[in-house]
Amino acid sequence: MLVNPRSATDEFTKYSFPSKTMEYMLSGTPVVMYKLAGIPDEYDEYLNYFDVTSKACIKDKIVEICEMSLCERGMIGNRARQFILTKSNKTQMKKFMDMMKLL
């Protein structure tokens, strides 16, 4: 698994989307992180979030993922990868440009 421990308590996380999140998801490996305000809700089902900000919570989530079977972890990672490949910024921009052509 890949872990991004950036806390959601900083003000700037409301206005940013960590690009490493997309890179992590593209790797096909489960991603564990905090839910940041700048991450759209559509990503939620492909990311594994820490429940609260604490060392124990981080440890518990990592253990939870590690205790999954290799197959389960592979499926989680592959779903995230497919999401990025089909819903990436290029895909979203193409949808926007197609919509603008209709105006």
C-alpha atoms as a PDB file:
ATOM      1  CA  MET A   1       0.000   0.000   0.000  1.00  0.00           C
ATOM      2  CA  LEU A   2       0.986   3.620  -0.430  1.00  0.00           C
ATOM      3  CA  VAL A   3       0.400   6.075   2.414  1.00  0.00           C
ATOM      4  CA  ASN A   4      -0.053   9.832   2.206  1.00  0.00           C
ATOM      5  CA  PRO A   5      -0.085  11.099   5.802  1.00  0.00           C
ATOM      6  CA  ARG A   6      -0.943  14.733   4.924  1.00  0.00           C
ATOM      7  CA  SER A   7      -3.280  15.958   7.612  1.00  0.00           C
ATOM      8  CA  ALA A   8      -6.639  17.491   6.732  1.00  0.00           C
ATOM      9  CA  THR A   9      -6.287  20.125   9.439  1.00  0.00           C
ATOM     10  CA  ASP A  10      -4.267  22.603   7.363  1.00  0.00           C
ATOM     11  CA  GLU A  11      -6.296  25.351   5.666  1.00  0.00           C
ATOM     12  CA  PHE A  12      -4.600  24.890   2.272  1.00  0.00           C
ATOM     13  CA  THR A  13      -5.941  21.333   1.911  1.00  0.00           C
ATOM     14  CA  LYS A  14      -9.326  22.877   1.101  1.00  0.00           C
ATOM     15  CA  TYR A  15      -7.885  24.254  -2.131  1.00  0.00           C
ATOM     16  CA  SER A  16      -5.478  21.579  -3.250  1.00  0.00           C
ATOM     17  CA  PHE A  17      -5.573  18.094  -4.653  1.00  0.00           C
ATOM     18  CA  PRO A  18      -2.302  16.269  -3.994  1.00  0.00           C
ATOM     19  CA  SER A  19      -1.083  15.080  -7.398  1.00  0.00           C
ATOM     20  CA  LYS A  20       0.691  12.182  -5.736  1.00  0.00           C
ATOM     21  CA  THR A  21      -2.767  10.767  -4.952  1.00  0.00           C
ATOM     22  CA  MET A  22      -3.432  10.254  -8.653  1.00  0.00           C
ATOM     23  CA  GLU A  23       0.061   8.819  -9.135  1.00  0.00           C
ATOM     24  CA  TYR A  24      -0.487   6.435  -6.237  1.00  0.00           C
ATOM     25  CA  MET A  25      -3.860   5.355  -7.614  1.00  0.00           C
ATOM     26  CA  LEU A  26      -2.384   4.847 -11.071  1.00  0.00           C
ATOM     27  CA  SER A  27       0.150   2.409  -9.580  1.00  0.00           C
ATOM     28  CA  GLY A  28      -2.623  -0.097  -8.873  1.00  0.00           C
ATOM     29  CA  THR A  29      -1.702  -0.192  -5.188  1.00  0.00           C
ATOM     30  CA  PRO A  30      -4.179   0.564  -2.371  1.00  0.00           C
ATOM     31  CA  VAL A  31      -3.869   4.168  -1.152  1.00  0.00           C
ATOM     32  CA  VAL A  32      -4.330   5.154   2.493  1.00  0.00           C
ATOM     33  CA  MET A  33      -4.712   8.810   3.469  1.00  0.00           C
ATOM     34  CA  TYR A  34      -6.843  11.401   5.226  1.00  0.00           C
ATOM     35  CA  LYS A  35      -9.936  12.714   3.473  1.00  0.00           C
ATOM     36  CA  LEU A  36      -8.829  16.172   2.355  1.00  0.00           C
ATOM     37  CA  ALA A  37     -11.375  18.867   1.512  1.00  0.00           C
ATOM     38  CA  GLY A  38      -9.791  19.327  -1.931  1.00  0.00           C
ATOM     39  CA  ILE A  39     -10.444  15.733  -2.984  1.00  0.00           C
ATOM     40  CA  PRO A  40     -13.756  15.350  -4.842  1.00  0.00           C
ATOM     41  CA  ASP A  41     -16.222  12.868  -3.328  1.00  0.00           C
ATOM     42  CA  GLU A  42     -16.107  10.733  -6.473  1.00  0.00           C
ATOM     43  CA  TYR A  43     -12.664   9.514  -5.340  1.00  0.00           C
ATOM     44  CA  ASP A  44     -13.948   8.240  -1.975  1.00  0.00           C
ATOM     45  CA  GLU A  45     -14.774   4.697  -3.030  1.00  0.00           C
ATOM     46  CA  TYR A  46     -11.242   4.225  -4.428  1.00  0.00           C
ATOM     47  CA  LEU A  47      -9.276   5.550  -1.445  1.00  0.00           C
ATOM     48  CA  ASN A  48      -8.878   4.203   2.079  1.00  0.00           C
ATOM     49  CA  TYR A  49      -9.224   6.991   4.608  1.00  0.00           C
ATOM     50  CA  PHE A  50      -7.946   7.271   8.158  1.00  0.00           C
ATOM     51  CA  ASP A  51     -10.938   7.853  10.428  1.00  0.00           C
ATOM     52  CA  VAL A  52      -9.407  10.422  12.766  1.00  0.00           C
ATOM     53  CA  THR A  53      -6.105  12.241  13.183  1.00  0.00           C
ATOM     54  CA  SER A  54      -4.097  10.055  15.531  1.00  0.00           C
ATOM     55  CA  LYS A  55      -1.120   7.737  15.384  1.00  0.00           C
ATOM     56  CA  ALA A  56      -3.285   4.851  16.562  1.00  0.00           C
ATOM     57  CA  CYS A  57      -5.791   5.458  13.766  1.00  0.00           C
ATOM     58  CA  ILE A  58      -3.024   5.469  11.159  1.00  0.00           C
ATOM     59  CA  LYS A  59      -1.626   2.232  12.554  1.00  0.00           C
ATOM     60  CA  ASP A  60      -5.065   0.567  12.670  1.00  0.00           C
ATOM     61  CA  LYS A  61      -5.863   1.427   9.040  1.00  0.00           C
ATOM     62  CA  ILE A  62      -2.466   0.200   7.832  1.00  0.00           C
ATOM     63  CA  VAL A  63      -2.893  -3.054   9.757  1.00  0.00           C
ATOM     64  CA  GLU A  64      -6.422  -3.420   8.331  1.00  0.00           C
ATOM     65  CA  ILE A  65      -5.138  -3.151   4.765  1.00  0.00           C
ATOM     66  CA  CYS A  66      -2.158  -5.431   5.451  1.00  0.00           C
ATOM     67  CA  GLU A  67      -4.470  -8.109   6.849  1.00  0.00           C
ATOM     68  CA  MET A  68      -6.443  -8.238   3.604  1.00  0.00           C
ATOM     69  CA  SER A  69      -5.576 -11.008   1.195  1.00  0.00           C
ATOM     70  CA  LEU A  70      -3.229 -10.226  -1.658  1.00  0.00           C
ATOM     71  CA  CYS A  71      -6.191 -10.682  -3.999  1.00  0.00           C
ATOM     72  CA  GLU A  72      -8.319  -8.146  -2.081  1.00  0.00           C
ATOM     73  CA  ARG A  73      -5.522  -5.582  -2.077  1.00  0.00           C
ATOM     74  CA  GLY A  74      -5.010  -6.188  -5.784  1.00  0.00           C
ATOM     75  CA  MET A  75      -8.691  -5.604  -6.520  1.00  0.00           C
ATOM     76  CA  ILE A  76      -8.710  -2.353  -4.502  1.00  0.00           C
ATOM     77  CA  GLY A  77      -5.607  -1.110  -6.293  1.00  0.00           C
ATOM     78  CA  ASN A  78      -6.843  -2.119  -9.736  1.00  0.00           C
ATOM     79  CA  ARG A  79     -10.220  -0.406  -9.221  1.00  0.00           C
ATOM     80  CA  ALA A  80      -8.424   2.814  -8.282  1.00  0.00           C
ATOM     81  CA  ARG A  81      -6.148   2.482 -11.316  1.00  0.00           C
ATOM     82  CA  GLN A  82      -9.101   1.987 -13.659  1.00  0.00           C
ATOM     83  CA  PHE A  83     -10.851   4.984 -12.153  1.00  0.00           C
ATOM     84  CA  ILE A  84      -7.845   7.204 -12.879  1.00  0.00           C
ATOM     85  CA  LEU A  85      -7.443   5.816 -16.384  1.00  0.00           C
ATOM     86  CA  THR A  86     -11.088   6.463 -17.232  1.00  0.00           C
ATOM     87  CA  LYS A  87     -11.803   9.584 -15.149  1.00  0.00           C
ATOM     88  CA  SER A  88      -8.479  11.363 -15.358  1.00  0.00           C
ATOM     89  CA  ASN A  89      -8.048  15.088 -15.899  1.00  0.00           C
ATOM     90  CA  LYS A  90      -7.671  14.522 -19.652  1.00  0.00           C
ATOM     91  CA  THR A  91     -10.942  12.607 -19.741  1.00  0.00           C
ATOM     92  CA  GLN A  92     -12.679  15.312 -17.732  1.00  0.00           C
ATOM     93  CA  MET A  93     -11.225  18.070 -19.930  1.00  0.00           C
ATOM     94  CA  LYS A  94     -12.426  16.271 -23.071  1.00  0.00           C
ATOM     95  CA  LYS A  95     -15.952  16.164 -21.604  1.00  0.00           C
ATOM     96  CA  PHE A  96     -15.735  19.885 -20.873  1.00  0.00           C
ATOM     97  CA  MET A  97     -14.472  20.731 -24.374  1.00  0.00           C
ATOM     98  CA  ASP A  98     -17.202  18.599 -25.973  1.00  0.00           C
ATOM     99  CA  MET A  99     -19.791  20.426 -23.882  1.00  0.00           C
ATOM    100  CA  MET A 100     -18.358  23.820 -24.928  1.00  0.00           C
ATOM    101  CA  LYS A 101     -18.610  22.836 -28.599  1.00  0.00           C
ATOM    102  CA  LEU A 102     -22.363  22.396 -28.133  1.00  0.00           C
ATOM    103  CA  LEU A 103     -22.799  26.014 -27.015  1.00  0.00           C
END
